């Protein structure tokens, strides 16, 4: 595989600092280990758009810079546990411009947008996602499951994407952090701020080395 320029980013805001502060520090260490560029991107609030859309707009802006071969976006309530797994190993499996993981036993729709990898060609897909939200799915700008439902519709209508198994870039939301089973990422979604903060603190104490 040719030399890759990989950016790993997370969108944060003051409202989630209590847990994102731990998550971003851990993920930055992972990036330093593998020579990825890590970015903590402040949420840019947009009228009529829920915060969940921030990662879509941020990815579009990063792609426009034309600096990276690939961009990995991870929700701020998610942490890399297994630092031996490199993003290159996932990128090597990609056959399209954008890759997600399944929701799997988390339930809900097929796709979870809490983590995804894109190459520069994906900018058209993400811009189409925004257009669809503006024109046909305006309710998803503010209502669950936001951009995830729009992406799912695009996939269902035939847009080619890589959809990997749940644990490739995602996890079961009730994952046991003491399992020591080689899990790549723990996405501790679907919890209160207090719960996420405690989980992030526990993860920091266990994996901050």
Protein backbone atom coordinates (compact mmCIF):
# COMPACT_ATOMS: atom_id res chain seq x y z
CA UNK A 1 0.00 0.00 0.00
CA UNK A 2 1.44 3.41 -0.94
CA UNK A 3 2.26 5.93 1.75
CA UNK A 4 -0.91 7.22 3.33
CA UNK A 5 -1.57 10.54 5.00
CA UNK A 6 -4.21 9.76 7.60
CA UNK A 7 -6.14 12.22 9.72
CA UNK A 8 -8.04 11.02 12.80
CA UNK A 9 -10.47 13.58 14.16
CA UNK A 10 -13.20 13.99 16.76
CA UNK A 11 -15.74 16.79 17.10
CA UNK A 12 -16.07 18.20 20.61
CA UNK A 13 -17.92 20.98 22.39
CA UNK A 14 -17.96 22.47 25.90
CA UNK A 15 -21.15 20.51 26.65
CA UNK A 16 -19.33 17.17 26.40
CA UNK A 17 -15.93 18.21 27.76
CA UNK A 18 -16.33 16.11 30.91
CA UNK A 19 -15.88 12.91 28.91
CA UNK A 20 -14.34 14.09 25.64
CA UNK A 21 -11.34 15.39 27.57
CA UNK A 22 -10.43 11.81 28.48
CA UNK A 23 -11.32 10.30 25.10
CA UNK A 24 -9.36 12.78 23.03
CA UNK A 25 -6.22 12.35 25.12
CA UNK A 26 -6.30 8.57 24.69
CA UNK A 27 -6.97 8.74 20.97
CA UNK A 28 -4.22 11.28 20.46
CA UNK A 29 -1.75 8.82 21.99
CA UNK A 30 -2.91 6.19 19.51
CA UNK A 31 -2.28 8.62 16.67
CA UNK A 32 1.17 9.52 17.94
CA UNK A 33 2.07 5.83 17.99
CA UNK A 34 1.15 5.35 14.33
CA UNK A 35 2.07 8.81 13.00
CA UNK A 36 -1.46 9.87 12.17
CA UNK A 37 -2.47 13.50 12.43
CA UNK A 38 -4.94 13.91 15.28
CA UNK A 39 -7.39 16.80 15.29
CA UNK A 40 -9.88 17.81 17.93
CA UNK A 41 -12.39 19.85 15.93
CA UNK A 42 -14.63 22.29 17.80
CA UNK A 43 -18.30 21.90 16.95
CA UNK A 44 -19.56 24.63 14.64
CA UNK A 45 -23.21 25.14 15.47
CA UNK A 46 -25.50 25.48 12.48
CA UNK A 47 -29.05 26.72 12.56
CA UNK A 48 -31.60 23.91 12.23
CA UNK A 49 -28.93 21.19 12.53
CA UNK A 50 -28.41 18.96 15.56
CA UNK A 51 -24.82 18.61 16.87
CA UNK A 52 -24.60 15.11 15.37
CA UNK A 53 -24.28 16.71 11.95
CA UNK A 54 -21.09 18.46 13.01
CA UNK A 55 -18.92 15.54 11.93
CA UNK A 56 -20.40 15.54 8.42
CA UNK A 57 -19.68 19.23 7.90
CA UNK A 58 -16.23 18.88 9.51
CA UNK A 59 -15.32 15.97 7.23
CA UNK A 60 -16.35 17.94 4.16
CA UNK A 61 -14.17 20.86 5.23
CA UNK A 62 -11.19 18.61 5.93
CA UNK A 63 -11.55 16.93 2.54
CA UNK A 64 -11.55 20.32 0.85
CA UNK A 65 -8.10 20.99 2.28
CA UNK A 66 -6.85 18.16 0.03
CA UNK A 67 -4.13 17.23 2.49
CA UNK A 68 -5.02 13.66 3.45
CA UNK A 69 -5.38 10.37 1.62
CA UNK A 70 -7.87 9.21 4.26
CA UNK A 71 -9.81 10.72 7.14
CA UNK A 72 -11.08 8.74 10.12
CA UNK A 73 -13.92 10.31 12.09
CA UNK A 74 -14.76 8.92 15.52
CA UNK A 75 -17.48 10.15 17.86
CA UNK A 76 -16.22 11.83 21.02
CA UNK A 77 -17.79 9.09 23.15
CA UNK A 78 -15.47 6.49 21.69
CA UNK A 79 -11.92 5.40 22.45
CA UNK A 80 -9.32 3.20 20.79
CA UNK A 81 -8.56 0.31 23.13
CA UNK A 82 -6.30 -1.88 21.01
CA UNK A 83 -3.49 0.33 19.78
CA UNK A 84 -1.87 -2.49 17.82
CA UNK A 85 -4.62 -2.31 15.19
CA UNK A 86 -3.72 0.19 12.51
CA UNK A 87 -6.20 2.11 10.40
CA UNK A 88 -4.26 0.96 7.34
CA UNK A 89 -5.56 -2.57 7.95
CA UNK A 90 -9.13 -1.31 7.57
CA UNK A 91 -8.33 0.98 4.66
CA UNK A 92 -6.85 -1.99 2.79
CA UNK A 93 -10.28 -3.65 2.84
CA UNK A 94 -12.11 -0.63 1.45
CA UNK A 95 -13.51 -0.90 -2.06
CA UNK A 96 -15.39 2.41 -2.04
CA UNK A 97 -14.79 5.99 -0.94
CA UNK A 98 -16.48 5.64 2.45
CA UNK A 99 -16.65 2.91 5.10
CA UNK A 100 -18.87 2.41 8.13
CA UNK A 101 -19.46 -0.40 10.62
CA UNK A 102 -22.73 -2.16 11.30
CA UNK A 103 -24.82 -1.42 14.35
CA UNK A 104 -24.87 -5.16 14.92
CA UNK A 105 -26.32 -6.23 18.25
CA UNK A 106 -26.75 -2.59 19.25
CA UNK A 107 -29.97 -2.79 17.25
CA UNK A 108 -31.51 -0.09 15.11
CA UNK A 109 -30.63 0.30 11.45
CA UNK A 110 -27.79 -1.41 9.65
CA UNK A 111 -25.28 1.45 9.70
CA UNK A 112 -23.69 3.23 12.64
CA UNK A 113 -22.12 6.58 11.74
CA UNK A 114 -20.21 6.92 15.00
CA UNK A 115 -17.05 5.99 13.11
CA UNK A 116 -16.22 6.14 9.43
CA UNK A 117 -13.29 6.38 7.05
CA UNK A 118 -13.33 8.41 3.85
CA UNK A 119 -11.01 9.18 0.99
CA UNK A 120 -11.21 12.41 -1.05
CA UNK A 121 -13.81 10.98 -3.44
CA UNK A 122 -16.27 10.78 -0.54
CA UNK A 123 -16.86 14.52 -0.55
CA UNK A 124 -19.58 14.04 -3.16
CA UNK A 125 -21.31 11.47 -0.94
CA UNK A 126 -21.25 13.72 2.11
CA UNK A 127 -22.44 16.74 0.15
CA UNK A 128 -25.25 14.61 -1.23
CA UNK A 129 -26.11 13.64 2.35
CA UNK A 130 -26.49 17.31 3.26
CA UNK A 131 -28.57 18.03 0.15
CA UNK A 132 -30.87 15.15 0.96
CA UNK A 133 -31.37 16.51 4.46
CA UNK A 134 -32.16 19.93 3.04
CA UNK A 135 -34.54 18.74 0.34
CA UNK A 136 -36.21 15.45 1.26
CA UNK A 137 -35.40 14.60 4.87
CA UNK A 138 -35.59 17.94 6.64
CA UNK A 139 -36.92 16.30 9.79
CA UNK A 140 -33.60 14.47 10.16
CA UNK A 141 -31.71 17.73 10.54
CA UNK A 142 -32.87 17.85 14.16
CA UNK A 143 -34.56 14.50 14.85
CA UNK A 144 -33.08 11.06 15.46
CA UNK A 145 -31.23 9.45 13.97
CA UNK A 146 -30.01 12.52 12.12
CA UNK A 147 -27.28 11.95 9.52
CA UNK A 148 -27.35 8.22 10.21
CA UNK A 149 -30.83 7.89 8.75
CA UNK A 150 -29.87 9.91 5.70
CA UNK A 151 -26.77 7.79 5.06
CA UNK A 152 -28.88 4.66 5.52
CA UNK A 153 -31.37 5.88 2.91
CA UNK A 154 -28.58 6.58 0.45
CA UNK A 155 -27.19 3.09 0.97
CA UNK A 156 -30.62 1.47 0.64
CA UNK A 157 -31.11 3.29 -2.66
CA UNK A 158 -27.94 1.78 -4.09
CA UNK A 159 -25.07 4.12 -3.26
CA UNK A 160 -21.96 2.00 -2.87
CA UNK A 161 -20.35 2.05 0.57
CA UNK A 162 -18.24 -0.37 2.57
CA UNK A 163 -20.21 -1.69 5.54
CA UNK A 164 -17.94 -3.67 7.84
CA UNK A 165 -18.88 -5.85 10.84
CA UNK A 166 -19.73 -4.06 14.08
CA UNK A 167 -16.36 -4.49 15.80
CA UNK A 168 -14.31 -3.26 12.85
CA UNK A 169 -14.73 0.40 13.83
CA UNK A 170 -17.56 0.29 16.37
CA UNK A 171 -18.56 -1.80 19.39
CA UNK A 172 -21.43 -3.10 21.44
CA UNK A 173 -22.54 -0.21 23.63
CA UNK A 174 -22.37 -2.42 26.73
CA UNK A 175 -18.88 -3.72 25.99
CA UNK A 176 -16.95 -4.93 29.05
CA UNK A 177 -13.74 -2.91 29.24
CA UNK A 178 -12.17 -5.66 31.32
CA UNK A 179 -12.71 -8.32 28.64
CA UNK A 180 -9.16 -8.03 27.24
CA UNK A 181 -10.29 -9.60 23.98
CA UNK A 182 -8.48 -7.36 21.52
CA UNK A 183 -11.42 -5.03 20.89
CA UNK A 184 -10.30 -2.13 18.68
CA UNK A 185 -12.75 0.61 19.67
CA UNK A 186 -15.23 1.06 22.49
CA UNK A 187 -18.15 3.32 21.56
CA UNK A 188 -19.96 4.02 24.83
CA UNK A 189 -22.99 5.61 23.21
CA UNK A 190 -26.55 5.93 24.46
CA UNK A 191 -25.79 7.08 28.00
CA UNK A 192 -26.17 10.15 30.16
CA UNK A 193 -23.37 12.71 30.47
CA UNK A 194 -22.59 11.42 33.96
CA UNK A 195 -22.37 7.81 32.79
CA UNK A 196 -20.19 8.67 29.82
CA UNK A 197 -17.89 10.73 32.02
CA UNK A 198 -17.40 7.87 34.46
CA UNK A 199 -16.73 5.40 31.64
CA UNK A 200 -14.26 7.76 29.99
CA UNK A 201 -12.48 8.28 33.30
CA UNK A 202 -12.27 4.53 33.88
CA UNK A 203 -10.91 4.03 30.37
CA UNK A 204 -8.33 6.74 30.89
CA UNK A 205 -7.12 5.13 34.09
CA UNK A 206 -6.87 1.73 32.40
CA UNK A 207 -5.40 2.68 29.02
CA UNK A 208 -3.37 5.85 29.64
CA UNK A 209 0.09 4.43 29.06
